[in-house]
Structure formats: C-alpha cells, structure tokens
C-alpha cells in the first residue's frame, strides 16, 4: 500500500474545489474513532466526504456507493463526543473556502456560521493526514483557539505541541519547508485507474484496502467463535465415546442374567458368589451375587442393569449422533469463513451463527449463488451453509447431480440436468470443482461423492446445509 502525499492531496482539491466552495454541510457522522463522513450539498448535488485518520489507511475522498459498501460503514446509535461537538458548531454551516497547506498533507475547510448570539463566526476544520499523528481539529480562525480534536495530545505525548480544547492551534513542526515533492501514489492511480477521476481512483484504491483489512479482522473474530464451539463439541464427542467404551457391559449383564436363570436349580440363594457353566464357552465361571437376595432376584438384578445400560447406550448414541452433526456443521462454518471474500459473505455467516440480528426495515436481498457453465450444463456452488441449503432445497430437482467431498468440509456443487444426460467428462469436472471448493489440502487425493438429488434427505431439525444421501458413487480427485 502507498500512502497519500501532498501532490495527490492537492490534485484532489483542485479537482473538487468548485464543489467545496459554497457547499453546505448537511450531516456529520463518525462511524469510528478514526473515520468521519461529512455530507456536503452544492448545486443540487449531495456527496459524502470520507475522512480517514487511521495510522495505516489515512486518506480523504468522496465516497461512491460501492466504496461505502466495501468499507462496511456502520453509524453508531450513540455518536462520540467529538461528533456531537462538530454537529453543534458546523451542521448547516456553509463552506467559504477549502485549501491545502503547501508541501504538507494538511487540508482545511473554512466555514462561516453564526453563534448563539447571531454573531458571524469563522471556523476551520483542519485535517492532518500524517500517519500515526493523523488528526481532525476544529478551531476558531480569528483567535486560533481549539474547540475540539478527534485525539487530544498532551505534553506527555508530544514535546513539540499540544492539541486540546482551549489551547491555540499551531501547525506541526516543519510545515512550509520547501523540498522535492514526489508522488508514487498519483502515478500508481493514473496507471491502475486511467479512466477514472482522481477521486474515484482514491475511493477504489483505499476502499479495497480497507475491505481487505476489515475482512481479515472479521474472519479472525468469527474463527475464534466457531473454533471455540467446535473444540467444545469435539471434547463432548471424545468423552461420550470413551464412556461408551468403558461402560459397554450391556450384553454382559444380559448374559449373566440368562446364566443365573438357567441355573436356578443350584439354589445358591443368599450367597456372595456362584459357579456355573458358561454354555457359550464351555467353561465354568464365577458370578458375583448380592448376599441379601435369592438367586432369582440376582438374575432380575442383572436384567435391570442390562435394561438401564441399554437405555443409557441408546441415549448416548443419539447424543453422539447429534454432536457429530453439529461438529460437521461447525467444520463447514469454519470452511465458509476461510473462503469468504467480502464483508457481505461474513455477514451471512454471522447471521447463521446468531451473532447479529437481521437489520430491521431492510429489504431482503436475493440469495446469490456462484454459477458456472460446463459443456452447456449449469453448475451451482454454495459459499456457505445458507447457500448450500438453498441449492439443495430450492434449486435441486430430482434428476440433478449433487457433489460433495467425503469426510471433509466443503461446498455443495449441483449439476443441473435438463434435456440431456452429462457424460463422464462433465461429471469429473464437477468432482474437481467439489474438490477445489473444500477444506482438503493439496496435493493429497480426496474422495468426492455424487448422487442424484432425489436421493438426498434433510433430517428434521438438522442444521443448514446438512443432508444425508444414498446410492452414491465415489471418485478420487
């Protein structure tokens, strides 16, 4: 990434100076501590001026709709104090001038407004784009007294100057020093976006970088949540499996009860042990008895232990099955997170995990599934469990083919069959797609199963994207 410089900043202002001067500031928003959205209106047109003062991606531009979506701008219900201060002094004010400080990454918007006594007041919104020292400062142009800053800087943070309300605003040390001005960013934007204006190029360049940073951050948060849940499920599965192995005496209890019933004639009532012939092995064995019970009562005791063990085993097996379904579901969630390419993809996963609620009064967007074409056949690929479920529940018809990797998380791949049957080549290409869109590591071979959609079944109360199948075939890819 190349940071913004004075030449790029000054050219941006030259390009938009006619819109800045005379515009009115209609709305002020502060999504986070480090970015601001100022809605300016001039000549019947409204634009959103985006100011970013983060140490890594500091810049300024007018946001397009696509840029706003990529940045994932979310306005908080309770605005920060500095945002409220800006609204108090600048909302509705008119921009009288806009300028950049020579050779510096500093720009200013001058406003003419009225105070509580209806007296004209000249204010300046100064934005310093200087890496970790980036800041937004509001001060009085006549007295130079600071009214507020995005980040207050005291004497303990800087020995050169302090920035906080009540102090005089002074430029950073070294301002107006002349020197060689070079702009690798401006050259890069001209090369990468030759058909776009400088503003749109800036918006494209930085919004894509911000999207990458946001996606990486969101992925990390979601992976921590999903992996934590998966770890708990795996621990539960391991404990139940170990318990079943240790306590699997179900058939043994029944066999001991049968032996005691067959040997009631020995009359070993109220004894601690009895020796009987085990008809399955042909050897004599000793059976422990409860000395307070008769031999028949001891037989019934073993039958009760058998029934109790059998019930426990059945319930444990059912629980184990549901836990394995949940494990497979969470593994698919983790796969989907790793494959996600945009904030929108991650938002779908967050809804699925129940981390966030659907936005109220927001129009429901149609589900978009990746669509390809192979030899004239339509092929659909799901990116997450919601899309996988949509493919199986809505798109699949009885004669269509469904593909999935065996024993590892991956996307559901659907091959639509209409007028003709696909040949082996088409089926193998779909198997390769299922292999590609899975969590299987390269270059190992993986089994890919496929079957007709009519052989798929979604169990009741099963999680999104989970299906059972039969009559499948397997191909190593």
Foldseek 3Di string as FASTA:
>chain_A
DDADFDVLVQVQCVVCVVQQAFWAFADWFDQDLFKIWTWTDDPRDIWTWIAGQALPQGDIFTADPVLCQLLVRDTDPDGDPVSVVCCQPGNGWGFHGKDAFPRFQKIKTWTWDADPVRDIFIKIWMWHRDRNPTWTWIAGPVQQFTQAISDWADCVRPVQDTDGGGDHDDDGPPGPDDDDDDDPPVVVLCVVPVPDDSRVSSSVVSSNVSFVVVLVVLLVVVCVVLVVVLVVLVVLLVVLVVVCVVPVCLVVLLQVLVQLVVVLVVFCALDQKDWGQRPVVRDIDIDGAHNVGTSNVRSVVSVVVNVVSVVVVVVSVVVSVQSVLVSLQSLQLNLLSVQDDGVVSSVVSCVQVVVDDPDPPDDDDDDDWDWDADPNWIKTKHSGLQSLLCCLPPVADQQWKWKAWPPFHFIIMIIDDDDDDDDPVVVVVSNVVNVVGTPDDPDDKTKMKMDGSNQWADDPPRGRNDIDGDPIDIDID
